[in-house]
Amino acid sequence: MIDQLIKWDKELLIFLNSFHAPWLDPIMLLITKTFFWLPLYGFLIYLMFRNFKKEAWLILIGAGITILLCDQITSTFMKPFFARLRPSQDPSMIGLIHHVDNYKGGLYGFASGHAANTFGVALFVWLTLKPIYKWMWAIFIWAAVMTYTRIYLGVHYPGDIIVGATIGLGCGIIGYRTSTYLRKRIKSSPSTS
């Protein structure tokens, strides 16, 4: 059964990765980078402070926990444990997938840290800000675009993305519940009454 899933994963990657164009290559390479999204992160932090004032620091602790968990689970534990080569590093995939500027990522790719972090942050932000901004669901578009770049660039299988995103959603819930707990705790402490 595992062999069949791996076969389907490879076939799906080859299919999805085939939709590329020379004009899109540099765009995908740019938007896969974390620094490209710094204005978005700055805007989200601004919204947190605008709406939650001093409590925003407690919310940022929850966001930090989300990212820390995502990163540690995928990059520190899963990638070395499962040691599944990225498609860009897999000799059986040579010539079957499109690469941009010889970008290949690290050696192992299961599970995707990009997918975990983006979907974890997206869920965390959505849960935190959806009562205030009804349009906040759009943060999931960012997460989907960011993670699709990993398939476009040939550095992750779809399975890496799906598992990474699932881990991210779980970590996003943990981070959100942590920040909610901290905010309630501070509000109920005698010194704030």
N, C-alpha and C. Protein backbone atom coordinates (compact mmCIF):
# COMPACT_ATOMS: atom_id res chain seq x y z
N MET A 1 0.83 -1.20 0.00
CA MET A 1 0.00 0.00 0.00
C MET A 1 0.87 1.27 0.00
N ILE A 2 1.93 1.28 0.83
CA ILE A 2 2.83 2.44 0.90
C ILE A 2 3.48 2.68 -0.46
N ASP A 3 3.91 1.58 -1.11
CA ASP A 3 4.54 1.72 -2.43
C ASP A 3 3.60 2.35 -3.44
N GLN A 4 2.32 1.98 -3.37
CA GLN A 4 1.33 2.55 -4.29
C GLN A 4 1.13 4.04 -4.01
N LEU A 5 1.08 4.42 -2.73
CA LEU A 5 0.93 5.83 -2.37
C LEU A 5 2.13 6.64 -2.87
N ILE A 6 3.33 6.09 -2.72
CA ILE A 6 4.54 6.78 -3.19
C ILE A 6 4.49 6.93 -4.71
N LYS A 7 4.04 5.89 -5.40
CA LYS A 7 3.91 5.96 -6.87
C LYS A 7 2.93 7.06 -7.27
N TRP A 8 1.77 7.11 -6.63
CA TRP A 8 0.77 8.15 -6.94
C TRP A 8 1.32 9.54 -6.63
N ASP A 9 2.06 9.63 -5.52
CA ASP A 9 2.65 10.91 -5.11
C ASP A 9 3.61 11.42 -6.19
N LYS A 10 4.43 10.52 -6.72
CA LYS A 10 5.38 10.89 -7.77
C LYS A 10 4.64 11.28 -9.05
N GLU A 11 3.63 10.49 -9.40
CA GLU A 11 2.87 10.79 -10.63
C GLU A 11 2.15 12.13 -10.52
N LEU A 12 1.58 12.41 -9.34
CA LEU A 12 0.89 13.68 -9.15
C LEU A 12 1.87 14.85 -9.21
N LEU A 13 3.04 14.66 -8.64
CA LEU A 13 4.06 15.72 -8.72
C LEU A 13 4.44 15.99 -10.17
N ILE A 14 4.71 14.94 -10.93
CA ILE A 14 5.10 15.12 -12.33
C ILE A 14 4.01 15.87 -13.09
N PHE A 15 2.75 15.53 -12.83
CA PHE A 15 1.63 16.21 -13.48
C PHE A 15 1.56 17.68 -13.08
N LEU A 16 1.55 17.95 -11.77
CA LEU A 16 1.42 19.34 -11.30
C LEU A 16 2.64 20.19 -11.65
N ASN A 17 3.81 19.60 -11.61
CA ASN A 17 5.04 20.32 -11.91
C ASN A 17 5.17 20.64 -13.40
N SER A 18 4.39 19.95 -14.23
CA SER A 18 4.48 20.18 -15.68
C SER A 18 3.85 21.50 -16.11
N PHE A 19 3.07 22.11 -15.23
CA PHE A 19 2.43 23.40 -15.55
C PHE A 19 3.39 24.54 -15.19
N HIS A 20 4.34 24.78 -16.03
CA HIS A 20 5.30 25.84 -15.79
C HIS A 20 5.49 26.65 -17.05
N ALA A 21 6.00 27.85 -16.86
CA ALA A 21 6.26 28.76 -17.98
C ALA A 21 7.50 29.59 -17.64
N PRO A 22 8.29 29.93 -18.63
CA PRO A 22 9.51 30.70 -18.37
C PRO A 22 9.26 32.01 -17.62
N TRP A 23 8.16 32.70 -17.92
CA TRP A 23 7.88 33.98 -17.25
C TRP A 23 7.48 33.77 -15.79
N LEU A 24 6.96 32.57 -15.48
CA LEU A 24 6.50 32.31 -14.11
C LEU A 24 7.63 31.80 -13.21
N ASP A 25 8.66 31.23 -13.79
CA ASP A 25 9.76 30.66 -13.00
C ASP A 25 10.36 31.64 -11.99
N PRO A 26 10.77 32.85 -12.41
CA PRO A 26 11.38 33.76 -11.41
C PRO A 26 10.38 34.24 -10.36
N ILE A 27 9.10 34.31 -10.73
CA ILE A 27 8.07 34.72 -9.76
C ILE A 27 7.92 33.65 -8.68
N MET A 28 7.83 32.40 -9.09
CA MET A 28 7.69 31.30 -8.13
C MET A 28 8.92 31.19 -7.23
N LEU A 29 10.08 31.40 -7.81
CA LEU A 29 11.31 31.35 -7.02
C LEU A 29 11.34 32.46 -5.98
N LEU A 30 10.81 33.62 -6.34
CA LEU A 30 10.77 34.76 -5.43
C LEU A 30 9.75 34.54 -4.31
N ILE A 31 8.53 34.12 -4.67
CA ILE A 31 7.49 34.04 -3.64
C ILE A 31 7.61 32.83 -2.73
N THR A 32 8.52 31.91 -3.05
CA THR A 32 8.75 30.80 -2.12
C THR A 32 9.64 31.22 -0.96
N LYS A 33 10.29 32.37 -1.10
CA LYS A 33 11.22 32.85 -0.07
C LYS A 33 10.44 33.57 1.05
N THR A 34 10.85 33.32 2.26
CA THR A 34 10.20 33.93 3.43
C THR A 34 10.30 35.46 3.40
N PHE A 35 11.46 35.99 3.01
CA PHE A 35 11.65 37.44 3.05
C PHE A 35 10.68 38.19 2.15
N PHE A 36 10.22 37.54 1.08
CA PHE A 36 9.27 38.18 0.17
C PHE A 36 7.98 38.58 0.89
N TRP A 37 7.62 37.81 1.88
CA TRP A 37 6.35 38.01 2.59
C TRP A 37 6.49 38.89 3.84
N LEU A 38 7.65 39.47 4.08
CA LEU A 38 7.82 40.33 5.26
C LEU A 38 6.78 41.45 5.35
N PRO A 39 6.41 42.11 4.25
CA PRO A 39 5.35 43.13 4.37
C PRO A 39 4.02 42.55 4.87
N LEU A 40 3.68 41.34 4.43
CA LEU A 40 2.45 40.70 4.92
C LEU A 40 2.56 40.43 6.42
N TYR A 41 3.70 39.89 6.86
CA TYR A 41 3.88 39.61 8.29
C TYR A 41 3.81 40.91 9.10
N GLY A 42 4.43 41.96 8.58
CA GLY A 42 4.36 43.26 9.25
C GLY A 42 2.94 43.78 9.36
N PHE A 43 2.17 43.61 8.29
CA PHE A 43 0.77 44.05 8.29
C PHE A 43 -0.04 43.26 9.32
N LEU A 44 0.18 41.95 9.40
CA LEU A 44 -0.55 41.13 10.37
C LEU A 44 -0.20 41.51 11.80
N ILE A 45 1.08 41.77 12.05
CA ILE A 45 1.50 42.20 13.38
C ILE A 45 0.85 43.55 13.71
N TYR A 46 0.80 44.45 12.73
CA TYR A 46 0.13 45.74 12.92
C TYR A 46 -1.33 45.52 13.32
N LEU A 47 -2.03 44.62 12.62
CA LEU A 47 -3.44 44.35 12.95
C LEU A 47 -3.58 43.81 14.37
N MET A 48 -2.64 42.97 14.78
CA MET A 48 -2.69 42.43 16.15
C MET A 48 -2.58 43.56 17.17
N PHE A 49 -1.60 44.45 16.99
CA PHE A 49 -1.43 45.54 17.95
C PHE A 49 -2.56 46.56 17.87
N ARG A 50 -3.06 46.79 16.69
CA ARG A 50 -4.17 47.74 16.53
C ARG A 50 -5.41 47.27 17.28
N ASN A 51 -5.67 45.97 17.24
CA ASN A 51 -6.90 45.44 17.81
C ASN A 51 -6.76 44.92 19.24
N PHE A 52 -5.56 44.48 19.61
CA PHE A 52 -5.41 43.86 20.92
C PHE A 52 -4.48 44.62 21.87
N LYS A 53 -3.91 45.72 21.38
CA LYS A 53 -3.05 46.58 22.21
C LYS A 53 -1.96 45.77 22.91
N LYS A 54 -1.87 45.89 24.23
CA LYS A 54 -0.80 45.20 24.97
C LYS A 54 -0.92 43.67 24.91
N GLU A 55 -2.14 43.19 24.74
CA GLU A 55 -2.34 41.73 24.65
C GLU A 55 -1.72 41.15 23.39
N ALA A 56 -1.39 42.00 22.43
CA ALA A 56 -0.80 41.51 21.18
C ALA A 56 0.48 40.74 21.44
N TRP A 57 1.21 41.12 22.49
CA TRP A 57 2.44 40.38 22.81
C TRP A 57 2.13 38.94 23.18
N LEU A 58 1.02 38.73 23.86
CA LEU A 58 0.62 37.36 24.22
C LEU A 58 0.19 36.58 22.99
N ILE A 59 -0.42 37.29 22.05
CA ILE A 59 -0.81 36.65 20.79
C ILE A 59 0.43 36.27 20.00
N LEU A 60 1.42 37.15 19.99
CA LEU A 60 2.66 36.84 19.27
C LEU A 60 3.41 35.66 19.89
N ILE A 61 3.25 35.47 21.19
CA ILE A 61 3.83 34.28 21.83
C ILE A 61 3.18 33.03 21.25
N GLY A 62 1.86 33.08 21.09
CA GLY A 62 1.14 31.94 20.48
C GLY A 62 1.58 31.70 19.05
N ALA A 63 1.79 32.78 18.29
CA ALA A 63 2.28 32.64 16.91
C ALA A 63 3.68 32.03 16.91
N GLY A 64 4.52 32.48 17.84
CA GLY A 64 5.87 31.93 17.95
C GLY A 64 5.86 30.45 18.29
N ILE A 65 4.96 30.06 19.18
CA ILE A 65 4.83 28.64 19.54
C ILE A 65 4.39 27.83 18.32
N THR A 66 3.46 28.39 17.54
CA THR A 66 3.00 27.72 16.32
C THR A 66 4.18 27.45 15.39
N ILE A 67 4.97 28.48 15.12
CA ILE A 67 6.10 28.35 14.19
C ILE A 67 7.16 27.41 14.75
N LEU A 68 7.45 27.55 16.04
CA LEU A 68 8.45 26.68 16.67
C LEU A 68 8.05 25.21 16.57
N LEU A 69 6.81 24.91 16.89
CA LEU A 69 6.33 23.53 16.81
C LEU A 69 6.39 23.00 15.37
N CYS A 70 5.91 23.80 14.43
CA CYS A 70 5.93 23.39 13.02
C CYS A 70 7.34 23.07 12.57
N ASP A 71 8.25 23.95 12.89
CA ASP A 71 9.63 23.79 12.45
C ASP A 71 10.29 22.59 13.10
N GLN A 72 10.10 22.44 14.40
CA GLN A 72 10.74 21.33 15.12
C GLN A 72 10.19 19.98 14.68
N ILE A 73 8.88 19.91 14.50
CA ILE A 73 8.27 18.63 14.11
C ILE A 73 8.72 18.23 12.70
N THR A 74 8.65 19.17 11.74
CA THR A 74 8.96 18.80 10.36
C THR A 74 10.47 18.73 10.10
N SER A 75 11.18 19.79 10.44
CA SER A 75 12.59 19.87 10.06
C SER A 75 13.54 19.14 11.01
N THR A 76 13.28 19.24 12.29
CA THR A 76 14.19 18.63 13.26
C THR A 76 13.89 17.14 13.46
N PHE A 77 12.61 16.77 13.46
CA PHE A 77 12.27 15.38 13.72
C PHE A 77 11.99 14.59 12.43
N MET A 78 10.98 15.00 11.67
CA MET A 78 10.50 14.16 10.57
C MET A 78 11.48 14.00 9.42
N LYS A 79 12.09 15.09 8.98
CA LYS A 79 12.97 14.98 7.81
C LYS A 79 14.13 14.00 8.05
N PRO A 80 14.87 14.14 9.15
CA PRO A 80 15.94 13.15 9.36
C PRO A 80 15.41 11.75 9.69
N PHE A 81 14.26 11.66 10.36
CA PHE A 81 13.72 10.36 10.75
C PHE A 81 13.27 9.56 9.53
N PHE A 82 12.47 10.20 8.64
CA PHE A 82 11.97 9.48 7.47
C PHE A 82 12.98 9.46 6.33
N ALA A 83 13.86 10.45 6.28
CA ALA A 83 14.94 10.52 5.27
C ALA A 83 14.44 10.27 3.85
N ARG A 84 13.29 10.85 3.53
CA ARG A 84 12.76 10.73 2.17
C ARG A 84 13.36 11.85 1.31
N LEU A 85 14.06 11.46 0.29
CA LEU A 85 14.69 12.45 -0.58
C LEU A 85 13.66 13.36 -1.22
N ARG A 86 14.00 14.63 -1.32
CA ARG A 86 13.17 15.55 -2.09
C ARG A 86 13.16 15.06 -3.54
N PRO A 87 12.10 15.39 -4.28
CA PRO A 87 12.11 15.00 -5.69
C PRO A 87 13.30 15.59 -6.45
N SER A 88 13.73 16.78 -6.03
CA SER A 88 14.87 17.43 -6.67
C SER A 88 16.19 16.73 -6.35
N GLN A 89 16.20 15.88 -5.34
CA GLN A 89 17.41 15.16 -4.93
C GLN A 89 17.32 13.67 -5.26
N ASP A 90 16.16 13.23 -5.73
CA ASP A 90 15.91 11.81 -5.99
C ASP A 90 16.40 11.44 -7.40
N PRO A 91 17.38 10.53 -7.50
CA PRO A 91 17.89 10.14 -8.81
C PRO A 91 16.82 9.58 -9.75
N SER A 92 15.78 8.96 -9.21
CA SER A 92 14.73 8.39 -10.07
C SER A 92 13.85 9.47 -10.70
N MET A 93 13.98 10.71 -10.23
CA MET A 93 13.15 11.81 -10.77
C MET A 93 13.92 12.70 -11.75
N ILE A 94 15.19 12.39 -11.97
CA ILE A 94 16.01 13.22 -12.87
C ILE A 94 15.38 13.22 -14.27
N GLY A 95 15.21 14.42 -14.80
CA GLY A 95 14.64 14.59 -16.13
C GLY A 95 13.13 14.54 -16.18
N LEU A 96 12.48 14.26 -15.05
CA LEU A 96 11.02 14.16 -15.03
C LEU A 96 10.34 15.41 -14.48
N ILE A 97 11.10 16.22 -13.75
CA ILE A 97 10.51 17.42 -13.17
C ILE A 97 11.29 18.66 -13.56
N HIS A 98 10.59 19.76 -13.54
CA HIS A 98 11.14 21.07 -13.92
C HIS A 98 11.74 21.74 -12.68
N HIS A 99 12.96 22.22 -12.82
CA HIS A 99 13.62 22.98 -11.75
C HIS A 99 13.86 24.40 -12.23
N VAL A 100 13.95 25.33 -11.31
CA VAL A 100 14.19 26.73 -11.65
C VAL A 100 15.56 27.13 -11.10
N ASP A 101 16.42 27.62 -11.96
CA ASP A 101 17.76 28.10 -11.58
C ASP A 101 18.51 27.10 -10.70
N ASN A 102 18.31 25.83 -10.97
CA ASN A 102 18.99 24.77 -10.23
C ASN A 102 18.70 24.80 -8.72
N TYR A 103 17.56 25.40 -8.35
CA TYR A 103 17.15 25.42 -6.94
C TYR A 103 16.65 24.02 -6.57
N LYS A 104 17.26 23.43 -5.55
CA LYS A 104 16.89 22.05 -5.20
C LYS A 104 16.52 21.86 -3.74
N GLY A 105 16.73 22.84 -2.89
CA GLY A 105 16.42 22.69 -1.48
C GLY A 105 17.39 21.74 -0.80
N GLY A 106 17.06 21.38 0.43
CA GLY A 106 17.90 20.46 1.19
C GLY A 106 17.75 19.03 0.70
N LEU A 107 18.35 18.10 1.39
CA LEU A 107 18.35 16.70 0.97
C LEU A 107 16.98 16.04 1.15
N TYR A 108 16.37 16.23 2.33
CA TYR A 108 15.12 15.54 2.64
C TYR A 108 13.93 16.50 2.61
N GLY A 109 12.74 15.94 2.29
CA GLY A 109 11.59 16.81 2.13
C GLY A 109 10.32 16.40 2.86
N PHE A 110 10.33 15.28 3.58
CA PHE A 110 9.10 14.84 4.24
C PHE A 110 9.20 15.08 5.75
N ALA A 111 8.37 15.97 6.24
CA ALA A 111 7.26 16.70 5.63
C ALA A 111 7.69 18.14 5.36
N SER A 112 6.88 18.85 4.59
CA SER A 112 7.23 20.20 4.19
C SER A 112 7.13 21.19 5.35
N GLY A 113 8.27 21.80 5.68
CA GLY A 113 8.28 22.85 6.70
C GLY A 113 7.57 24.10 6.21
N HIS A 114 7.69 24.41 4.90
CA HIS A 114 6.97 25.56 4.34
C HIS A 114 5.46 25.39 4.54
N ALA A 115 4.96 24.20 4.20
CA ALA A 115 3.52 23.95 4.33
C ALA A 115 3.09 24.01 5.79
N ALA A 116 3.89 23.41 6.67
CA ALA A 116 3.54 23.43 8.10
C ALA A 116 3.50 24.86 8.62
N ASN A 117 4.54 25.62 8.35
CA ASN A 117 4.60 27.00 8.86
C ASN A 117 3.50 27.88 8.28
N THR A 118 3.29 27.81 6.97
CA THR A 118 2.31 28.71 6.36
C THR A 118 0.88 28.36 6.79
N PHE A 119 0.55 27.08 6.79
CA PHE A 119 -0.81 26.71 7.20
C PHE A 119 -1.00 26.88 8.70
N GLY A 120 0.06 26.65 9.48
CA GLY A 120 -0.04 26.90 10.93
C GLY A 120 -0.28 28.36 11.23
N VAL A 121 0.49 29.24 10.59
CA VAL A 121 0.32 30.68 10.79
C VAL A 121 -1.04 31.13 10.25
N ALA A 122 -1.43 30.60 9.09
CA ALA A 122 -2.72 31.00 8.50
C ALA A 122 -3.88 30.67 9.44
N LEU A 123 -3.87 29.45 9.98
CA LEU A 123 -4.96 29.08 10.89
C LEU A 123 -4.91 29.93 12.16
N PHE A 124 -3.72 30.12 12.69
CA PHE A 124 -3.57 30.93 13.90
C PHE A 124 -4.12 32.34 13.68
N VAL A 125 -3.72 32.96 12.58
CA VAL A 125 -4.16 34.34 12.26
C VAL A 125 -5.67 34.36 12.03
N TRP A 126 -6.17 33.38 11.30
CA TRP A 126 -7.61 33.35 11.02
C TRP A 126 -8.42 33.20 12.32
N LEU A 127 -8.01 32.29 13.18
CA LEU A 127 -8.74 32.11 14.44
C LEU A 127 -8.69 33.36 15.30
N THR A 128 -7.56 34.06 15.27
CA THR A 128 -7.38 35.25 16.10
C THR A 128 -8.16 36.45 15.57
N LEU A 129 -8.14 36.63 14.25
CA LEU A 129 -8.69 37.86 13.67
C LEU A 129 -10.04 37.71 12.98
N LYS A 130 -10.55 36.49 12.81
CA LYS A 130 -11.82 36.33 12.09
C LYS A 130 -13.00 37.02 12.77
N PRO A 131 -13.04 37.15 14.12
CA PRO A 131 -14.17 37.88 14.70
C PRO A 131 -14.16 39.38 14.33
N ILE A 132 -13.00 39.89 13.95
CA ILE A 132 -12.86 41.32 13.65
C ILE A 132 -12.93 41.57 12.14
N TYR A 133 -12.26 40.71 11.39
CA TYR A 133 -12.18 40.89 9.92
C TYR A 133 -12.76 39.67 9.23
N LYS A 134 -13.91 39.83 8.62
CA LYS A 134 -14.57 38.70 7.95
C LYS A 134 -13.75 38.20 6.75
N TRP A 135 -12.94 39.07 6.15
CA TRP A 135 -12.14 38.71 4.99
C TRP A 135 -10.87 37.95 5.35
N MET A 136 -10.66 37.70 6.61
CA MET A 136 -9.40 37.07 7.03
C MET A 136 -9.23 35.66 6.48
N TRP A 137 -10.30 35.04 5.98
CA TRP A 137 -10.18 33.72 5.35
C TRP A 137 -9.18 33.76 4.19
N ALA A 138 -8.95 34.94 3.63
CA ALA A 138 -8.04 35.08 2.48
C ALA A 138 -6.61 34.69 2.84
N ILE A 139 -6.29 34.61 4.12
CA ILE A 139 -4.94 34.20 4.53
C ILE A 139 -4.63 32.78 4.05
N PHE A 140 -5.68 31.98 3.84
CA PHE A 140 -5.47 30.62 3.35
C PHE A 140 -5.07 30.61 1.87
N ILE A 141 -5.42 31.65 1.14
CA ILE A 141 -4.95 31.77 -0.25
C ILE A 141 -3.44 31.93 -0.25
N TRP A 142 -2.95 32.78 0.66
CA TRP A 142 -1.50 32.95 0.79
C TRP A 142 -0.84 31.61 1.09
N ALA A 143 -1.39 30.86 2.04
CA ALA A 143 -0.80 29.57 2.42
C ALA A 143 -0.79 28.61 1.23
N ALA A 144 -1.87 28.58 0.47
CA ALA A 144 -1.95 27.68 -0.68
C ALA A 144 -0.95 28.07 -1.76
N VAL A 145 -0.83 29.37 -2.05
CA VAL A 145 0.11 29.84 -3.06
C VAL A 145 1.55 29.53 -2.62
N MET A 146 1.84 29.85 -1.39
CA MET A 146 3.19 29.63 -0.86
C MET A 146 3.58 28.15 -0.96
N THR A 147 2.67 27.26 -0.60
CA THR A 147 3.00 25.84 -0.64
C THR A 147 3.00 25.29 -2.06
N TYR A 148 2.18 25.85 -2.94
CA TYR A 148 2.21 25.39 -4.33
C TYR A 148 3.56 25.68 -4.98
N THR A 149 4.22 26.75 -4.57
CA THR A 149 5.53 27.05 -5.14
C THR A 149 6.50 25.90 -4.93
N ARG A 150 6.33 25.16 -3.85
CA ARG A 150 7.23 24.05 -3.54
C ARG A 150 7.08 22.91 -4.55
N ILE A 151 5.85 22.71 -5.02
CA ILE A 151 5.60 21.70 -6.06
C ILE A 151 6.08 22.23 -7.41
N TYR A 152 5.78 23.48 -7.70
CA TYR A 152 6.20 24.11 -8.95
C TYR A 152 7.71 24.02 -9.11
N LEU A 153 8.43 24.27 -8.02
CA LEU A 153 9.89 24.25 -8.05
C LEU A 153 10.48 22.84 -8.00
N GLY A 154 9.62 21.84 -7.77
CA GLY A 154 10.06 20.46 -7.76
C GLY A 154 10.82 20.04 -6.52
N VAL A 155 10.60 20.75 -5.40
CA VAL A 155 11.33 20.42 -4.18
C VAL A 155 10.49 19.68 -3.14
N HIS A 156 9.21 19.48 -3.44
CA HIS A 156 8.35 18.70 -2.54
C HIS A 156 7.34 17.89 -3.34
N TYR A 157 7.06 16.71 -2.85
CA TYR A 157 5.95 15.91 -3.38
C TYR A 157 4.65 16.45 -2.79
N PRO A 158 3.53 16.23 -3.47
CA PRO A 158 2.24 16.65 -2.88
C PRO A 158 2.00 16.05 -1.49
N GLY A 159 2.43 14.81 -1.28
CA GLY A 159 2.27 14.19 0.04
C GLY A 159 3.03 14.93 1.13
N ASP A 160 4.22 15.45 0.79
CA ASP A 160 4.99 16.25 1.74
C ASP A 160 4.19 17.48 2.16
N ILE A 161 3.53 18.08 1.16
CA ILE A 161 2.75 19.30 1.39
C ILE A 161 1.52 18.99 2.24
N ILE A 162 0.81 17.92 1.90
CA ILE A 162 -0.42 17.58 2.63
C ILE A 162 -0.11 17.27 4.09
N VAL A 163 0.91 16.47 4.32
CA VAL A 163 1.28 16.12 5.71
C VAL A 163 1.78 17.36 6.44
N GLY A 164 2.62 18.16 5.79
CA GLY A 164 3.11 19.39 6.41
C GLY A 164 1.98 20.34 6.77
N ALA A 165 1.03 20.52 5.85
CA ALA A 165 -0.10 21.41 6.11
C ALA A 165 -0.94 20.90 7.28
N THR A 166 -1.14 19.59 7.34
CA THR A 166 -1.92 18.99 8.44
C THR A 166 -1.22 19.24 9.78
N ILE A 167 0.08 19.04 9.81
CA ILE A 167 0.85 19.32 11.03
C ILE A 167 0.72 20.79 11.39
N GLY A 168 0.83 21.66 10.39
CA GLY A 168 0.70 23.09 10.62
C GLY A 168 -0.65 23.47 11.21
N LEU A 169 -1.71 22.87 10.70
CA LEU A 169 -3.05 23.18 11.24
C LEU A 169 -3.15 22.77 12.71
N GLY A 170 -2.59 21.61 13.03
CA GLY A 170 -2.59 21.18 14.44
C GLY A 170 -1.78 22.12 15.31
N CYS A 171 -0.63 22.54 14.83
CA CYS A 171 0.22 23.47 15.59
C CYS A 171 -0.44 24.84 15.71
N GLY A 172 -1.16 25.25 14.66
CA GLY A 172 -1.89 26.52 14.71
C GLY A 172 -2.94 26.53 15.81
N ILE A 173 -3.62 25.40 15.97
CA ILE A 173 -4.62 25.28 17.03
C ILE A 173 -3.94 25.35 18.40
N ILE A 174 -2.82 24.64 18.55
CA ILE A 174 -2.09 24.67 19.83
C ILE A 174 -1.62 26.09 20.16
N GLY A 175 -1.04 26.77 19.16
CA GLY A 175 -0.58 28.15 19.37
C GLY A 175 -1.72 29.09 19.73
N TYR A 176 -2.85 28.93 19.04
CA TYR A 176 -4.02 29.78 19.32
C TYR A 176 -4.55 29.53 20.72
N ARG A 177 -4.67 28.28 21.10
CA ARG A 177 -5.19 27.96 22.45
C ARG A 177 -4.23 28.45 23.52
N THR A 178 -2.94 28.39 23.23
CA THR A 178 -1.96 28.89 24.20
C THR A 178 -2.12 30.39 24.38
N SER A 179 -2.23 31.14 23.28
CA SER A 179 -2.37 32.60 23.41
C SER A 179 -3.69 32.97 24.06
N THR A 180 -4.75 32.23 23.77
CA THR A 180 -6.05 32.48 24.40
C THR A 180 -5.96 32.23 25.90
N TYR A 181 -5.30 31.14 26.28
CA TYR A 181 -5.11 30.82 27.69
C TYR A 181 -4.32 31.92 28.40
N LEU A 182 -3.23 32.37 27.78
CA LEU A 182 -2.40 33.42 28.39
C LEU A 182 -3.19 34.71 28.55
N ARG A 183 -3.98 35.06 27.55
CA ARG A 183 -4.77 36.30 27.63
C ARG A 183 -5.81 36.22 28.74
N LYS A 184 -6.48 35.08 28.87
CA LYS A 184 -7.47 34.90 29.93
C LYS A 184 -6.80 34.93 31.29
N ARG A 185 -5.64 34.31 31.37
CA ARG A 185 -4.89 34.23 32.63
C ARG A 185 -4.48 35.64 33.11
N ILE A 186 -4.00 36.45 32.17
CA ILE A 186 -3.58 37.81 32.52
C ILE A 186 -4.79 38.65 32.94
N LYS A 187 -5.89 38.49 32.22
CA LYS A 187 -7.10 39.26 32.56
C LYS A 187 -7.65 38.90 33.92
N SER A 188 -7.51 37.63 34.32
CA SER A 188 -8.08 37.18 35.58
C SER A 188 -7.13 37.29 36.76
N SER A 189 -5.89 37.71 36.49
CA SER A 189 -4.92 37.81 37.60
C SER A 189 -5.30 38.99 38.48
N PRO A 190 -5.06 38.89 39.79
CA PRO A 190 -5.46 39.93 40.73
C PRO A 190 -4.84 41.30 40.42
N SER A 191 -3.64 41.33 39.87
CA SER A 191 -2.98 42.61 39.63
C SER A 191 -3.63 43.40 38.52
N THR A 192 -4.43 42.72 37.64
CA THR A 192 -5.10 43.44 36.56
C THR A 192 -6.54 43.80 36.90
N SER A 193 -7.02 43.33 38.03
CA SER A 193 -8.41 43.59 38.41
C SER A 193 -8.57 44.97 39.00
